Amino acid sequence: MASYTVRELRVPPECLTMAAFRAEVAGAEGPFFGEQDLDVVDLPLGPALRVHRLEPTAPESDSGGVLEGMAHYVLASRHSTALECRLLWSTLGFGEELEKVADGLAESLSLT
């Protein structure tokens, strides 16, 4: 199972920077498994922080599964806004292919 969401981030204008995104993501409490991969990428909509990580489905419980996910935090260059584009999946063996899907989806975004 996989799900994809896009949402506008409501942040003050002074926080619409890649440095602010990187600090926010790096400081997120999680819980997460392993290392988070953080990369800055250029998308047609604008620069984005690309985040890959593993996280529990039920962080407050001793049971549950693990989700793998790819998020793109996009600074829309021609619009004074930011977007979170997130693909989550529950089958860990398909990570490489689904990362490509997440990248393709983020590259196809447009705002009108």
N, C-alpha and C. Protein backbone atom coordinates (compact mmCIF):
# COMPACT_ATOMS: atom_id res chain seq x y z
N MET A 1 0.83 -1.17 0.00
CA MET A 1 0.00 0.00 0.00
C MET A 1 0.88 1.24 0.00
N ALA A 2 0.48 2.24 -0.76
CA ALA A 2 1.20 3.50 -0.82
C ALA A 2 0.19 4.64 -0.86
N SER A 3 0.58 5.79 -0.31
CA SER A 3 -0.28 6.97 -0.37
C SER A 3 0.58 8.19 -0.68
N TYR A 4 -0.02 9.13 -1.43
CA TYR A 4 0.68 10.35 -1.79
C TYR A 4 -0.18 11.54 -1.40
N THR A 5 0.42 12.49 -0.70
CA THR A 5 -0.29 13.69 -0.31
C THR A 5 0.54 14.93 -0.66
N VAL A 6 -0.17 15.99 -0.98
CA VAL A 6 0.45 17.29 -1.20
C VAL A 6 -0.33 18.27 -0.35
N ARG A 7 0.40 19.04 0.45
CA ARG A 7 -0.29 20.05 1.27
C ARG A 7 0.56 21.31 1.32
N GLU A 8 -0.14 22.42 1.44
CA GLU A 8 0.54 23.69 1.59
C GLU A 8 1.01 23.83 3.03
N LEU A 9 2.23 24.28 3.21
CA LEU A 9 2.78 24.50 4.54
C LEU A 9 2.50 25.94 4.95
N ARG A 10 1.89 26.11 6.09
CA ARG A 10 1.58 27.44 6.61
C ARG A 10 2.74 27.88 7.51
N VAL A 11 3.67 28.59 6.93
CA VAL A 11 4.84 29.05 7.69
C VAL A 11 5.03 30.54 7.44
N PRO A 12 5.61 31.26 8.41
CA PRO A 12 5.88 32.68 8.22
C PRO A 12 6.84 32.89 7.05
N PRO A 13 6.73 34.02 6.35
CA PRO A 13 7.60 34.29 5.19
C PRO A 13 9.08 34.16 5.49
N GLU A 14 9.50 34.54 6.71
CA GLU A 14 10.93 34.46 7.05
C GLU A 14 11.42 33.02 7.17
N CYS A 15 10.50 32.07 7.26
CA CYS A 15 10.87 30.66 7.35
C CYS A 15 10.83 29.95 5.99
N LEU A 16 10.55 30.70 4.94
CA LEU A 16 10.52 30.12 3.60
C LEU A 16 11.92 30.10 3.00
N THR A 17 12.81 29.37 3.67
CA THR A 17 14.19 29.22 3.19
C THR A 17 14.57 27.75 3.30
N MET A 18 15.52 27.35 2.48
CA MET A 18 16.00 25.97 2.54
C MET A 18 16.70 25.70 3.88
N ALA A 19 17.40 26.70 4.42
CA ALA A 19 18.06 26.53 5.71
C ALA A 19 17.03 26.28 6.82
N ALA A 20 15.90 26.98 6.78
CA ALA A 20 14.86 26.77 7.78
C ALA A 20 14.25 25.38 7.64
N PHE A 21 14.02 24.93 6.41
CA PHE A 21 13.49 23.58 6.19
C PHE A 21 14.46 22.53 6.72
N ARG A 22 15.74 22.69 6.39
CA ARG A 22 16.74 21.71 6.81
C ARG A 22 16.81 21.64 8.34
N ALA A 23 16.78 22.78 9.01
CA ALA A 23 16.83 22.81 10.48
C ALA A 23 15.58 22.16 11.06
N GLU A 24 14.43 22.42 10.48
CA GLU A 24 13.17 21.84 10.98
C GLU A 24 13.17 20.33 10.84
N VAL A 25 13.56 19.83 9.67
CA VAL A 25 13.56 18.38 9.42
C VAL A 25 14.63 17.69 10.26
N ALA A 26 15.82 18.27 10.33
CA ALA A 26 16.91 17.67 11.10
C ALA A 26 16.56 17.62 12.58
N GLY A 27 15.78 18.58 13.06
CA GLY A 27 15.43 18.62 14.47
C GLY A 27 14.15 17.89 14.83
N ALA A 28 13.48 17.30 13.84
CA ALA A 28 12.22 16.59 14.11
C ALA A 28 12.48 15.43 15.06
N GLU A 29 11.61 15.27 16.04
CA GLU A 29 11.82 14.27 17.08
C GLU A 29 11.55 12.84 16.64
N GLY A 30 10.72 12.66 15.66
CA GLY A 30 10.44 11.29 15.22
C GLY A 30 9.40 10.61 16.09
N PRO A 31 9.51 9.36 16.34
CA PRO A 31 10.69 8.50 16.19
C PRO A 31 10.90 8.06 14.74
N PHE A 32 12.15 7.93 14.38
CA PHE A 32 12.55 7.45 13.06
C PHE A 32 13.55 6.32 13.26
N PHE A 33 13.66 5.47 12.26
CA PHE A 33 14.64 4.37 12.29
C PHE A 33 15.80 4.72 11.37
N GLY A 34 16.99 4.49 11.85
CA GLY A 34 18.17 4.73 11.02
C GLY A 34 18.37 6.21 10.74
N GLU A 35 19.16 6.47 9.74
CA GLU A 35 19.48 7.84 9.36
C GLU A 35 18.46 8.39 8.37
N GLN A 36 18.15 9.67 8.51
CA GLN A 36 17.35 10.36 7.51
C GLN A 36 18.29 10.82 6.41
N ASP A 37 17.91 10.59 5.17
CA ASP A 37 18.68 11.12 4.05
C ASP A 37 18.10 12.46 3.66
N LEU A 38 18.91 13.52 3.72
CA LEU A 38 18.48 14.87 3.37
C LEU A 38 19.30 15.36 2.18
N ASP A 39 18.62 15.76 1.11
CA ASP A 39 19.29 16.28 -0.08
C ASP A 39 18.51 17.48 -0.58
N VAL A 40 19.20 18.47 -1.12
CA VAL A 40 18.55 19.59 -1.78
C VAL A 40 18.52 19.27 -3.27
N VAL A 41 17.32 19.39 -3.87
CA VAL A 41 17.15 19.12 -5.29
C VAL A 41 16.44 20.30 -5.94
N ASP A 42 16.67 20.47 -7.23
CA ASP A 42 15.98 21.50 -8.00
C ASP A 42 14.82 20.87 -8.74
N LEU A 43 13.63 21.41 -8.53
CA LEU A 43 12.42 20.96 -9.20
C LEU A 43 11.91 22.10 -10.08
N PRO A 44 11.08 21.80 -11.07
CA PRO A 44 10.53 22.88 -11.90
C PRO A 44 9.79 23.94 -11.09
N LEU A 45 9.17 23.55 -9.99
CA LEU A 45 8.43 24.49 -9.14
C LEU A 45 9.35 25.34 -8.27
N GLY A 46 10.56 24.83 -8.00
CA GLY A 46 11.52 25.54 -7.16
C GLY A 46 12.41 24.56 -6.42
N PRO A 47 13.33 25.06 -5.60
CA PRO A 47 14.21 24.17 -4.84
C PRO A 47 13.42 23.39 -3.80
N ALA A 48 13.92 22.19 -3.47
CA ALA A 48 13.22 21.34 -2.51
C ALA A 48 14.22 20.60 -1.64
N LEU A 49 13.81 20.36 -0.41
CA LEU A 49 14.55 19.47 0.48
C LEU A 49 13.93 18.09 0.33
N ARG A 50 14.72 17.13 -0.09
CA ARG A 50 14.26 15.75 -0.32
C ARG A 50 14.64 14.93 0.91
N VAL A 51 13.65 14.32 1.55
CA VAL A 51 13.86 13.60 2.81
C VAL A 51 13.38 12.17 2.66
N HIS A 52 14.26 11.23 2.94
CA HIS A 52 13.92 9.80 2.92
C HIS A 52 14.13 9.26 4.32
N ARG A 53 13.11 8.54 4.86
CA ARG A 53 13.26 7.99 6.20
C ARG A 53 12.27 6.84 6.43
N LEU A 54 12.54 6.11 7.50
CA LEU A 54 11.67 5.03 7.98
C LEU A 54 11.05 5.49 9.29
N GLU A 55 9.75 5.21 9.47
CA GLU A 55 9.09 5.61 10.70
C GLU A 55 8.04 4.58 11.10
N PRO A 56 7.74 4.50 12.39
CA PRO A 56 6.75 3.52 12.85
C PRO A 56 5.33 3.96 12.49
N THR A 57 4.44 2.98 12.28
CA THR A 57 3.04 3.30 12.01
C THR A 57 2.29 3.70 13.27
N ALA A 58 2.74 3.21 14.41
CA ALA A 58 2.09 3.53 15.69
C ALA A 58 3.17 3.92 16.70
N PRO A 59 3.67 5.15 16.64
CA PRO A 59 4.79 5.54 17.49
C PRO A 59 4.52 5.47 18.99
N GLU A 60 3.27 5.55 19.40
CA GLU A 60 2.93 5.52 20.82
C GLU A 60 2.73 4.11 21.35
N SER A 61 2.83 3.11 20.48
CA SER A 61 2.52 1.73 20.85
C SER A 61 3.76 0.85 20.74
N ASP A 62 3.71 -0.28 21.43
CA ASP A 62 4.79 -1.26 21.32
C ASP A 62 4.61 -2.15 20.10
N SER A 63 3.50 -2.02 19.41
CA SER A 63 3.25 -2.84 18.22
C SER A 63 3.04 -1.91 17.03
N GLY A 64 2.97 -2.49 15.88
CA GLY A 64 2.77 -1.71 14.67
C GLY A 64 3.83 -2.05 13.65
N GLY A 65 3.71 -1.46 12.51
CA GLY A 65 4.64 -1.72 11.42
C GLY A 65 5.57 -0.55 11.18
N VAL A 66 6.25 -0.62 10.05
CA VAL A 66 7.19 0.42 9.66
C VAL A 66 6.78 0.93 8.29
N LEU A 67 6.78 2.25 8.14
CA LEU A 67 6.53 2.88 6.86
C LEU A 67 7.83 3.47 6.35
N GLU A 68 8.02 3.36 5.06
CA GLU A 68 9.14 4.05 4.41
C GLU A 68 8.53 5.22 3.68
N GLY A 69 9.25 6.32 3.60
CA GLY A 69 8.68 7.48 2.95
C GLY A 69 9.70 8.40 2.34
N MET A 70 9.20 9.15 1.36
CA MET A 70 9.99 10.19 0.70
C MET A 70 9.14 11.45 0.73
N ALA A 71 9.70 12.52 1.24
CA ALA A 71 9.01 13.81 1.26
C ALA A 71 9.86 14.83 0.52
N HIS A 72 9.20 15.71 -0.19
CA HIS A 72 9.84 16.85 -0.83
C HIS A 72 9.21 18.10 -0.22
N TYR A 73 10.02 18.92 0.43
CA TYR A 73 9.57 20.19 0.97
C TYR A 73 9.99 21.26 -0.03
N VAL A 74 9.02 21.77 -0.77
CA VAL A 74 9.28 22.59 -1.96
C VAL A 74 9.04 24.07 -1.67
N LEU A 75 10.01 24.90 -2.04
CA LEU A 75 9.84 26.35 -2.01
C LEU A 75 9.40 26.77 -3.41
N ALA A 76 8.14 27.08 -3.57
CA ALA A 76 7.61 27.45 -4.89
C ALA A 76 8.14 28.83 -5.25
N SER A 77 9.05 28.88 -6.22
CA SER A 77 9.78 30.11 -6.55
C SER A 77 8.88 31.26 -7.00
N ARG A 78 7.89 30.98 -7.81
CA ARG A 78 7.03 32.05 -8.34
C ARG A 78 5.83 32.34 -7.45
N HIS A 79 5.70 31.62 -6.39
CA HIS A 79 4.61 31.80 -5.44
C HIS A 79 5.25 31.88 -4.06
N SER A 80 4.75 32.73 -3.21
CA SER A 80 5.35 32.84 -1.88
C SER A 80 4.71 31.81 -0.95
N THR A 81 4.97 30.55 -1.26
CA THR A 81 4.43 29.46 -0.47
C THR A 81 5.38 28.28 -0.49
N ALA A 82 5.07 27.30 0.32
CA ALA A 82 5.85 26.06 0.37
C ALA A 82 4.88 24.89 0.40
N LEU A 83 5.32 23.76 -0.15
CA LEU A 83 4.51 22.56 -0.20
C LEU A 83 5.26 21.39 0.41
N GLU A 84 4.51 20.49 1.02
CA GLU A 84 5.04 19.19 1.44
C GLU A 84 4.40 18.16 0.52
N CYS A 85 5.22 17.42 -0.20
CA CYS A 85 4.77 16.36 -1.10
C CYS A 85 5.32 15.06 -0.54
N ARG A 86 4.44 14.15 -0.15
CA ARG A 86 4.90 13.00 0.62
C ARG A 86 4.32 11.69 0.09
N LEU A 87 5.20 10.76 -0.22
CA LEU A 87 4.81 9.41 -0.60
C LEU A 87 5.24 8.48 0.52
N LEU A 88 4.28 7.72 1.05
CA LEU A 88 4.56 6.73 2.09
C LEU A 88 4.16 5.36 1.58
N TRP A 89 4.96 4.33 1.94
CA TRP A 89 4.62 2.97 1.55
C TRP A 89 4.98 2.01 2.65
N SER A 90 4.27 0.87 2.65
CA SER A 90 4.44 -0.09 3.74
C SER A 90 5.23 -1.33 3.35
N THR A 91 5.54 -1.51 2.08
CA THR A 91 6.33 -2.66 1.64
C THR A 91 7.77 -2.21 1.45
N LEU A 92 8.63 -2.55 2.40
CA LEU A 92 9.98 -2.01 2.42
C LEU A 92 10.85 -2.47 1.27
N GLY A 93 10.54 -3.56 0.62
CA GLY A 93 11.38 -4.05 -0.47
C GLY A 93 11.28 -3.26 -1.77
N PHE A 94 10.35 -2.30 -1.85
CA PHE A 94 10.15 -1.55 -3.09
C PHE A 94 10.68 -0.13 -3.01
N GLY A 95 11.53 0.15 -2.04
CA GLY A 95 12.01 1.50 -1.80
C GLY A 95 12.63 2.18 -2.99
N GLU A 96 13.53 1.52 -3.68
CA GLU A 96 14.24 2.16 -4.78
C GLU A 96 13.27 2.59 -5.89
N GLU A 97 12.34 1.72 -6.25
CA GLU A 97 11.38 2.05 -7.30
C GLU A 97 10.42 3.16 -6.85
N LEU A 98 9.98 3.09 -5.59
CA LEU A 98 9.03 4.09 -5.11
C LEU A 98 9.69 5.44 -4.86
N GLU A 99 10.98 5.46 -4.58
CA GLU A 99 11.70 6.73 -4.51
C GLU A 99 11.67 7.42 -5.86
N LYS A 100 11.85 6.65 -6.93
CA LYS A 100 11.78 7.22 -8.28
C LYS A 100 10.39 7.75 -8.58
N VAL A 101 9.36 7.04 -8.11
CA VAL A 101 7.98 7.51 -8.29
C VAL A 101 7.79 8.83 -7.55
N ALA A 102 8.26 8.91 -6.31
CA ALA A 102 8.13 10.14 -5.51
C ALA A 102 8.85 11.29 -6.18
N ASP A 103 10.05 11.04 -6.71
CA ASP A 103 10.78 12.10 -7.42
C ASP A 103 10.01 12.55 -8.66
N GLY A 104 9.46 11.61 -9.41
CA GLY A 104 8.70 11.94 -10.61
C GLY A 104 7.45 12.75 -10.29
N LEU A 105 6.76 12.36 -9.24
CA LEU A 105 5.57 13.11 -8.83
C LEU A 105 5.94 14.53 -8.42
N ALA A 106 7.01 14.69 -7.65
CA ALA A 106 7.44 16.02 -7.22
C ALA A 106 7.86 16.87 -8.42
N GLU A 107 8.50 16.27 -9.41
CA GLU A 107 8.91 17.00 -10.60
C GLU A 107 7.72 17.44 -11.46
N SER A 108 6.62 16.73 -11.35
CA SER A 108 5.45 17.04 -12.18
C SER A 108 4.53 18.10 -11.57
N LEU A 109 4.81 18.54 -10.35
CA LEU A 109 3.94 19.52 -9.68
C LEU A 109 3.94 20.86 -10.37
N SER A 110 2.77 21.50 -10.36
CA SER A 110 2.67 22.87 -10.85
C SER A 110 1.59 23.59 -10.05
N LEU A 111 1.71 24.88 -9.95
CA LEU A 111 0.71 25.72 -9.30
C LEU A 111 0.18 26.71 -10.33
N THR A 112 -1.12 26.92 -10.29
CA THR A 112 -1.71 27.89 -11.25
C THR A 112 -2.40 29.00 -10.52
